[in-house]
All heavy atoms as atom14 arrays in JSON, in Angstrom:
{
  "sequence": "AVRYPWADGFFIEPLSDHHAMVVQTQLCQLYEMYGAT",
  "atom14_mask": [
    [1, 1, 1, 1, 1, 0, 0, 0, 0, 0, 0, 0, 0, 0],
    [1, 1, 1, 1, 1, 1, 1, 0, 0, 0, 0, 0, 0, 0],
    [1, 1, 1, 1, 1, 1, 1, 1, 1, 1, 1, 0, 0, 0],
    [1, 1, 1, 1, 1, 1, 1, 1, 1, 1, 1, 1, 0, 0],
    [1, 1, 1, 1, 1, 1, 1, 0, 0, 0, 0, 0, 0, 0],
    [1, 1, 1, 1, 1, 1, 1, 1, 1, 1, 1, 1, 1, 1],
    [1, 1, 1, 1, 1, 0, 0, 0, 0, 0, 0, 0, 0, 0],
    [1, 1, 1, 1, 1, 1, 1, 1, 0, 0, 0, 0, 0, 0],
    [1, 1, 1, 1, 0, 0, 0, 0, 0, 0, 0, 0, 0, 0],
    [1, 1, 1, 1, 1, 1, 1, 1, 1, 1, 1, 0, 0, 0],
    [1, 1, 1, 1, 1, 1, 1, 1, 1, 1, 1, 0, 0, 0],
    [1, 1, 1, 1, 1, 1, 1, 1, 0, 0, 0, 0, 0, 0],
    [1, 1, 1, 1, 1, 1, 1, 1, 1, 0, 0, 0, 0, 0],
    [1, 1, 1, 1, 1, 1, 1, 0, 0, 0, 0, 0, 0, 0],
    [1, 1, 1, 1, 1, 1, 1, 1, 0, 0, 0, 0, 0, 0],
    [1, 1, 1, 1, 1, 1, 0, 0, 0, 0, 0, 0, 0, 0],
    [1, 1, 1, 1, 1, 1, 1, 1, 0, 0, 0, 0, 0, 0],
    [1, 1, 1, 1, 1, 1, 1, 1, 1, 1, 0, 0, 0, 0],
    [1, 1, 1, 1, 1, 1, 1, 1, 1, 1, 0, 0, 0, 0],
    [1, 1, 1, 1, 1, 0, 0, 0, 0, 0, 0, 0, 0, 0],
    [1, 1, 1, 1, 1, 1, 1, 1, 0, 0, 0, 0, 0, 0],
    [1, 1, 1, 1, 1, 1, 1, 0, 0, 0, 0, 0, 0, 0],
    [1, 1, 1, 1, 1, 1, 1, 0, 0, 0, 0, 0, 0, 0],
    [1, 1, 1, 1, 1, 1, 1, 1, 1, 0, 0, 0, 0, 0],
    [1, 1, 1, 1, 1, 1, 1, 0, 0, 0, 0, 0, 0, 0],
    [1, 1, 1, 1, 1, 1, 1, 1, 1, 0, 0, 0, 0, 0],
    [1, 1, 1, 1, 1, 1, 1, 1, 0, 0, 0, 0, 0, 0],
    [1, 1, 1, 1, 1, 1, 0, 0, 0, 0, 0, 0, 0, 0],
    [1, 1, 1, 1, 1, 1, 1, 1, 1, 0, 0, 0, 0, 0],
    [1, 1, 1, 1, 1, 1, 1, 1, 0, 0, 0, 0, 0, 0],
    [1, 1, 1, 1, 1, 1, 1, 1, 1, 1, 1, 1, 0, 0],
    [1, 1, 1, 1, 1, 1, 1, 1, 1, 0, 0, 0, 0, 0],
    [1, 1, 1, 1, 1, 1, 1, 1, 0, 0, 0, 0, 0, 0],
    [1, 1, 1, 1, 1, 1, 1, 1, 1, 1, 1, 1, 0, 0],
    [1, 1, 1, 1, 0, 0, 0, 0, 0, 0, 0, 0, 0, 0],
    [1, 1, 1, 1, 1, 0, 0, 0, 0, 0, 0, 0, 0, 0],
    [1, 1, 1, 1, 1, 1, 1, 0, 0, 0, 0, 0, 0, 0]
  ],
  "atom14_positions": [
    [[0.85, -1.18, 0.06], [0.0, 0.09, 0.04], [0.89, 1.27, 0.0], [0.27, 2.36, -0.32], [-0.94, 0.0, 1.22], [0.0, 0.0, 0.0], [0.0, 0.0, 0.0], [0.0, 0.0, 0.0], [0.0, 0.0, 0.0], [0.0, 0.0, 0.0], [0.0, 0.0, 0.0], [0.0, 0.0, 0.0], [0.0, 0.0, 0.0], [0.0, 0.0, 0.0]],
    [[2.1, 1.15, 0.41], [2.9, 2.3, 0.52], [4.27, 2.12, -0.32], [4.63, 1.0, -0.49], [3.19, 2.76, 1.96], [1.84, 2.99, 2.77], [4.01, 1.58, 2.65], [0.0, 0.0, 0.0], [0.0, 0.0, 0.0], [0.0, 0.0, 0.0], [0.0, 0.0, 0.0], [0.0, 0.0, 0.0], [0.0, 0.0, 0.0], [0.0, 0.0, 0.0]],
    [[4.86, 3.24, -0.55], [6.16, 3.1, -1.08], [7.27, 2.98, -0.09], [7.25, 3.47, 1.03], [6.55, 4.32, -1.99], [5.5, 4.52, -3.18], [5.95, 5.68, -3.99], [5.92, 6.98, -3.38], [6.41, 8.2, -3.7], [7.0, 8.24, -4.89], [6.23, 9.29, -3.02], [0.0, 0.0, 0.0], [0.0, 0.0, 0.0], [0.0, 0.0, 0.0]],
    [[8.36, 2.33, -0.45], [9.44, 1.99, 0.41], [10.83, 2.82, 0.13], [11.09, 2.93, -1.1], [9.8, 0.46, 0.35], [8.75, -0.45, 1.11], [7.47, -0.05, 1.33], [9.15, -1.74, 1.49], [6.65, -0.9, 1.94], [8.29, -2.56, 2.06], [6.97, -2.2, 2.38], [6.2, -2.99, 2.94], [0.0, 0.0, 0.0], [0.0, 0.0, 0.0]],
    [[11.37, 3.27, 1.07], [12.71, 3.87, 0.76], [13.77, 2.8, 0.39], [13.82, 1.69, 0.93], [13.13, 4.46, 2.24], [11.97, 4.43, 3.1], [11.08, 3.34, 2.58], [0.0, 0.0, 0.0], [0.0, 0.0, 0.0], [0.0, 0.0, 0.0], [0.0, 0.0, 0.0], [0.0, 0.0, 0.0], [0.0, 0.0, 0.0], [0.0, 0.0, 0.0]],
    [[14.39, 3.18, -0.71], [15.41, 2.09, -1.24], [16.31, 2.84, -2.16], [15.96, 3.77, -2.82], [14.63, 1.12, -2.15], [15.57, -0.12, -2.45], [16.22, -0.32, -3.56], [15.92, -1.2, -1.59], [16.97, -1.36, -3.51], [16.75, -2.03, -2.32], [15.57, -1.54, -0.2], [17.38, -3.16, -1.79], [16.02, -2.76, 0.26], [16.95, -3.49, -0.44]],
    [[17.64, 2.46, -1.97], [18.69, 3.1, -2.84], [19.65, 1.94, -3.39], [19.68, 0.95, -2.89], [19.46, 3.96, -1.8], [0.0, 0.0, 0.0], [0.0, 0.0, 0.0], [0.0, 0.0, 0.0], [0.0, 0.0, 0.0], [0.0, 0.0, 0.0], [0.0, 0.0, 0.0], [0.0, 0.0, 0.0], [0.0, 0.0, 0.0], [0.0, 0.0, 0.0]],
    [[20.28, 2.39, -4.41], [21.27, 1.42, -5.03], [22.28, 1.05, -3.97], [22.68, 1.78, -3.07], [21.97, 2.1, -6.22], [21.06, 2.41, -7.32], [19.97, 1.76, -7.42], [21.46, 3.22, -8.19], [0.0, 0.0, 0.0], [0.0, 0.0, 0.0], [0.0, 0.0, 0.0], [0.0, 0.0, 0.0], [0.0, 0.0, 0.0], [0.0, 0.0, 0.0]],
    [[22.64, -0.2, -4.02], [23.69, -0.74, -3.0], [23.04, -1.14, -1.72], [23.78, -1.8, -0.93], [0.0, 0.0, 0.0], [0.0, 0.0, 0.0], [0.0, 0.0, 0.0], [0.0, 0.0, 0.0], [0.0, 0.0, 0.0], [0.0, 0.0, 0.0], [0.0, 0.0, 0.0], [0.0, 0.0, 0.0], [0.0, 0.0, 0.0], [0.0, 0.0, 0.0]],
    [[21.79, -1.06, -1.39], [21.14, -1.58, -0.25], [21.34, -3.09, -0.25], [21.24, -3.83, -1.28], [19.71, -1.18, -0.13], [19.54, 0.11, 0.48], [20.68, 1.0, 0.73], [18.31, 0.61, 0.81], [20.4, 2.2, 1.34], [18.06, 1.8, 1.45], [19.21, 2.67, 1.7], [0.0, 0.0, 0.0], [0.0, 0.0, 0.0], [0.0, 0.0, 0.0]],
    [[21.45, -3.7, 0.97], [21.78, -5.11, 1.15], [20.59, -5.96, 1.15], [19.54, -5.59, 1.8], [22.57, -5.24, 2.51], [22.88, -6.66, 2.92], [24.06, -7.04, 2.37], [22.07, -7.44, 3.58], [24.53, -8.48, 2.71], [22.52, -8.74, 4.01], [23.68, -9.2, 3.49], [0.0, 0.0, 0.0], [0.0, 0.0, 0.0], [0.0, 0.0, 0.0]],
    [[20.53, -7.02, 0.5], [19.6, -8.1, 0.41], [20.21, -9.4, 0.9], [21.19, -9.67, 0.39], [18.89, -8.22, -0.93], [18.1, -7.01, -1.35], [17.88, -9.42, -0.92], [17.48, -7.08, -2.74], [0.0, 0.0, 0.0], [0.0, 0.0, 0.0], [0.0, 0.0, 0.0], [0.0, 0.0, 0.0], [0.0, 0.0, 0.0], [0.0, 0.0, 0.0]],
    [[19.54, -9.94, 1.89], [20.12, -11.22, 2.3], [20.41, -12.26, 1.25], [19.48, -12.49, 0.42], [19.08, -11.82, 3.35], [19.51, -13.09, 3.95], [18.41, -14.11, 3.89], [17.16, -13.77, 3.82], [18.66, -15.41, 3.95], [0.0, 0.0, 0.0], [0.0, 0.0, 0.0], [0.0, 0.0, 0.0], [0.0, 0.0, 0.0], [0.0, 0.0, 0.0]],
    [[21.51, -12.77, 1.25], [21.86, -13.68, 0.07], [21.32, -15.04, 0.07], [21.38, -15.79, -0.95], [23.45, -13.67, 0.08], [23.76, -13.55, 1.61], [22.6, -12.54, 2.05], [0.0, 0.0, 0.0], [0.0, 0.0, 0.0], [0.0, 0.0, 0.0], [0.0, 0.0, 0.0], [0.0, 0.0, 0.0], [0.0, 0.0, 0.0], [0.0, 0.0, 0.0]],
    [[20.72, -15.48, 1.08], [20.1, -16.78, 1.22], [18.68, -16.8, 0.6], [18.3, -15.82, 0.12], [20.05, -17.19, 2.67], [21.35, -17.29, 3.51], [21.11, -17.87, 4.92], [22.34, -18.14, 2.71], [0.0, 0.0, 0.0], [0.0, 0.0, 0.0], [0.0, 0.0, 0.0], [0.0, 0.0, 0.0], [0.0, 0.0, 0.0], [0.0, 0.0, 0.0]],
    [[18.02, -17.95, 0.63], [16.86, -18.01, -0.23], [15.68, -17.21, 0.18], [14.74, -16.8, -0.47], [16.45, -19.54, -0.13], [16.14, -19.98, 1.25], [0.0, 0.0, 0.0], [0.0, 0.0, 0.0], [0.0, 0.0, 0.0], [0.0, 0.0, 0.0], [0.0, 0.0, 0.0], [0.0, 0.0, 0.0], [0.0, 0.0, 0.0], [0.0, 0.0, 0.0]],
    [[15.63, -16.72, 1.45], [14.5, -15.89, 1.91], [14.69, -14.45, 1.33], [13.74, -13.67, 1.37], [14.47, -15.7, 3.39], [13.85, -17.0, 4.08], [13.31, -17.8, 3.32], [13.97, -17.21, 5.37], [0.0, 0.0, 0.0], [0.0, 0.0, 0.0], [0.0, 0.0, 0.0], [0.0, 0.0, 0.0], [0.0, 0.0, 0.0], [0.0, 0.0, 0.0]],
    [[15.92, -14.1, 1.07], [16.21, -12.7, 0.54], [15.62, -11.65, 1.38], [14.97, -10.66, 0.89], [15.65, -12.64, -0.91], [16.31, -13.51, -1.89], [15.74, -13.83, -3.1], [17.43, -14.22, -1.8], [16.55, -14.62, -3.77], [17.61, -14.92, -2.97], [0.0, 0.0, 0.0], [0.0, 0.0, 0.0], [0.0, 0.0, 0.0], [0.0, 0.0, 0.0]],
    [[15.94, -11.74, 2.75], [15.57, -10.53, 3.6], [16.41, -9.3, 3.33], [17.61, -9.43, 2.87], [15.81, -10.99, 5.04], [15.03, -12.09, 5.54], [15.56, -13.09, 6.44], [13.69, -12.41, 5.32], [14.51, -13.92, 6.65], [13.53, -13.54, 5.99], [0.0, 0.0, 0.0], [0.0, 0.0, 0.0], [0.0, 0.0, 0.0], [0.0, 0.0, 0.0]],
    [[15.78, -8.17, 3.48], [16.46, -6.96, 3.38], [15.89, -6.03, 4.43], [14.76, -5.98, 4.63], [16.27, -6.25, 2.07], [0.0, 0.0, 0.0], [0.0, 0.0, 0.0], [0.0, 0.0, 0.0], [0.0, 0.0, 0.0], [0.0, 0.0, 0.0], [0.0, 0.0, 0.0], [0.0, 0.0, 0.0], [0.0, 0.0, 0.0], [0.0, 0.0, 0.0]],
    [[16.82, -5.36, 5.2], [16.32, -4.4, 6.26], [16.92, -3.12, 6.03], [18.13, -2.9, 5.67], [16.79, -4.98, 7.61], [16.1, -6.26, 7.99], [16.63, -6.95, 9.68], [18.22, -7.59, 9.31], [0.0, 0.0, 0.0], [0.0, 0.0, 0.0], [0.0, 0.0, 0.0], [0.0, 0.0, 0.0], [0.0, 0.0, 0.0], [0.0, 0.0, 0.0]],
    [[16.01, -1.97, 6.23], [16.38, -0.66, 6.04], [15.87, 0.11, 7.25], [14.71, -0.06, 7.67], [15.77, -0.1, 4.73], [16.3, 1.39, 4.57], [16.33, -0.77, 3.57], [0.0, 0.0, 0.0], [0.0, 0.0, 0.0], [0.0, 0.0, 0.0], [0.0, 0.0, 0.0], [0.0, 0.0, 0.0], [0.0, 0.0, 0.0], [0.0, 0.0, 0.0]],
    [[16.73, 0.98, 7.8], [16.26, 1.88, 8.72], [16.34, 3.29, 8.24], [17.43, 3.76, 7.87], [17.07, 1.79, 10.11], [16.61, 3.0, 11.04], [16.92, 0.53, 10.66], [0.0, 0.0, 0.0], [0.0, 0.0, 0.0], [0.0, 0.0, 0.0], [0.0, 0.0, 0.0], [0.0, 0.0, 0.0], [0.0, 0.0, 0.0], [0.0, 0.0, 0.0]],
    [[15.15, 4.01, 8.13], [15.07, 5.41, 7.71], [15.15, 6.18, 9.03], [14.13, 6.04, 9.77], [13.9, 5.6, 6.83], [14.01, 6.75, 5.89], [13.73, 8.14, 6.52], [13.55, 8.18, 7.6], [13.62, 9.08, 5.65], [0.0, 0.0, 0.0], [0.0, 0.0, 0.0], [0.0, 0.0, 0.0], [0.0, 0.0, 0.0], [0.0, 0.0, 0.0]],
    [[16.1, 6.95, 9.18], [16.39, 7.47, 10.65], [15.69, 8.72, 10.97], [16.2, 9.49, 11.74], [17.83, 7.63, 10.7], [18.51, 8.47, 9.69], [18.6, 6.29, 10.75], [0.0, 0.0, 0.0], [0.0, 0.0, 0.0], [0.0, 0.0, 0.0], [0.0, 0.0, 0.0], [0.0, 0.0, 0.0], [0.0, 0.0, 0.0], [0.0, 0.0, 0.0]],
    [[14.51, 9.16, 10.27], [13.92, 10.26, 10.59], [12.46, 10.23, 10.92], [11.94, 11.25, 11.45], [14.18, 11.4, 9.41], [15.61, 11.71, 9.22], [16.0, 12.52, 8.08], [15.7, 12.06, 6.91], [16.4, 13.79, 8.26], [0.0, 0.0, 0.0], [0.0, 0.0, 0.0], [0.0, 0.0, 0.0], [0.0, 0.0, 0.0], [0.0, 0.0, 0.0]],
    [[11.66, 9.32, 10.47], [10.38, 9.2, 10.71], [9.93, 7.97, 11.6], [8.79, 7.82, 11.97], [9.46, 9.13, 9.45], [9.65, 10.26, 8.52], [8.86, 10.05, 7.15], [9.13, 11.54, 9.13], [0.0, 0.0, 0.0], [0.0, 0.0, 0.0], [0.0, 0.0, 0.0], [0.0, 0.0, 0.0], [0.0, 0.0, 0.0], [0.0, 0.0, 0.0]],
    [[10.76, 7.18, 11.86], [10.67, 5.93, 12.69], [9.49, 5.03, 12.22], [8.78, 4.54, 12.96], [10.37, 6.36, 14.11], [11.84, 7.07, 14.91], [0.0, 0.0, 0.0], [0.0, 0.0, 0.0], [0.0, 0.0, 0.0], [0.0, 0.0, 0.0], [0.0, 0.0, 0.0], [0.0, 0.0, 0.0], [0.0, 0.0, 0.0], [0.0, 0.0, 0.0]],
    [[9.36, 4.78, 10.91], [8.51, 3.86, 10.37], [9.2, 2.62, 9.92], [10.44, 2.77, 9.34], [7.9, 4.41, 9.03], [7.11, 5.69, 9.42], [5.85, 5.48, 10.32], [5.07, 4.52, 10.1], [5.74, 6.31, 11.33], [0.0, 0.0, 0.0], [0.0, 0.0, 0.0], [0.0, 0.0, 0.0], [0.0, 0.0, 0.0], [0.0, 0.0, 0.0]],
    [[8.69, 1.44, 10.16], [9.36, 0.13, 9.84], [8.65, -0.43, 8.67], [7.36, -0.46, 8.73], [9.25, -0.64, 11.19], [9.72, -2.13, 10.91], [11.18, -2.26, 10.59], [9.43, -2.95, 12.22], [0.0, 0.0, 0.0], [0.0, 0.0, 0.0], [0.0, 0.0, 0.0], [0.0, 0.0, 0.0], [0.0, 0.0, 0.0], [0.0, 0.0, 0.0]],
    [[9.34, -0.95, 7.71], [8.79, -1.58, 6.54], [9.5, -2.89, 6.37], [10.73, -2.96, 6.52], [8.89, -0.76, 5.33], [8.43, 0.65, 5.39], [9.2, 1.6, 5.91], [7.2, 1.0, 4.88], [8.7, 2.95, 6.03], [6.7, 2.24, 5.02], [7.51, 3.28, 5.57], [7.1, 4.5, 5.56], [0.0, 0.0, 0.0], [0.0, 0.0, 0.0]],
    [[8.77, -3.94, 6.19], [9.36, -5.32, 5.97], [8.92, -5.92, 4.65], [7.79, -5.81, 4.23], [9.08, -6.29, 6.99], [9.47, -5.71, 8.39], [9.4, -6.76, 9.45], [8.92, -7.94, 9.1], [9.75, -6.46, 10.68], [0.0, 0.0, 0.0], [0.0, 0.0, 0.0], [0.0, 0.0, 0.0], [0.0, 0.0, 0.0], [0.0, 0.0, 0.0]],
    [[9.82, -6.61, 3.91], [9.39, -7.36, 2.67], [10.08, -8.74, 2.82], [11.14, -8.99, 3.38], [9.79, -6.73, 1.44], [9.14, -5.37, 1.26], [9.56, -4.65, -0.36], [11.42, -4.28, -0.09], [0.0, 0.0, 0.0], [0.0, 0.0, 0.0], [0.0, 0.0, 0.0], [0.0, 0.0, 0.0], [0.0, 0.0, 0.0], [0.0, 0.0, 0.0]],
    [[9.38, -9.65, 2.26], [10.0, -11.08, 2.03], [10.05, -11.41, 0.56], [9.19, -11.08, -0.18], [9.09, -12.01, 2.71], [9.35, -13.46, 2.53], [10.24, -14.18, 3.21], [8.57, -14.2, 1.41], [10.54, -15.54, 3.01], [8.84, -15.49, 1.25], [9.84, -16.21, 1.94], [9.99, -17.51, 1.76], [0.0, 0.0, 0.0], [0.0, 0.0, 0.0]],
    [[11.09, -11.97, 0.11], [11.24, -12.32, -1.32], [11.58, -11.08, -2.21], [11.18, -11.02, -3.34], [0.0, 0.0, 0.0], [0.0, 0.0, 0.0], [0.0, 0.0, 0.0], [0.0, 0.0, 0.0], [0.0, 0.0, 0.0], [0.0, 0.0, 0.0], [0.0, 0.0, 0.0], [0.0, 0.0, 0.0], [0.0, 0.0, 0.0], [0.0, 0.0, 0.0]],
    [[12.39, -10.25, -1.59], [12.64, -8.94, -2.35], [13.74, -9.12, -3.49], [14.53, -9.82, -3.26], [13.02, -7.89, -1.37], [0.0, 0.0, 0.0], [0.0, 0.0, 0.0], [0.0, 0.0, 0.0], [0.0, 0.0, 0.0], [0.0, 0.0, 0.0], [0.0, 0.0, 0.0], [0.0, 0.0, 0.0], [0.0, 0.0, 0.0], [0.0, 0.0, 0.0]],
    [[13.45, -8.37, -4.63], [14.48, -8.35, -5.54], [14.41, -7.0, -6.05], [13.65, -6.09, -5.87], [14.13, -9.2, -6.81], [12.8, -8.69, -7.38], [13.97, -10.69, -6.4], [0.0, 0.0, 0.0], [0.0, 0.0, 0.0], [0.0, 0.0, 0.0], [0.0, 0.0, 0.0], [0.0, 0.0, 0.0], [0.0, 0.0, 0.0], [0.0, 0.0, 0.0]]
  ]
}
């Protein structure tokens, strides 16, 4: 439903779940995704 902060070079977990975690340090909103590419 919402757009996610994302930049080139951000880390995606290399295993099969492909987790990626981002902390945007100004609004304290948490977003999670599974199977990200």
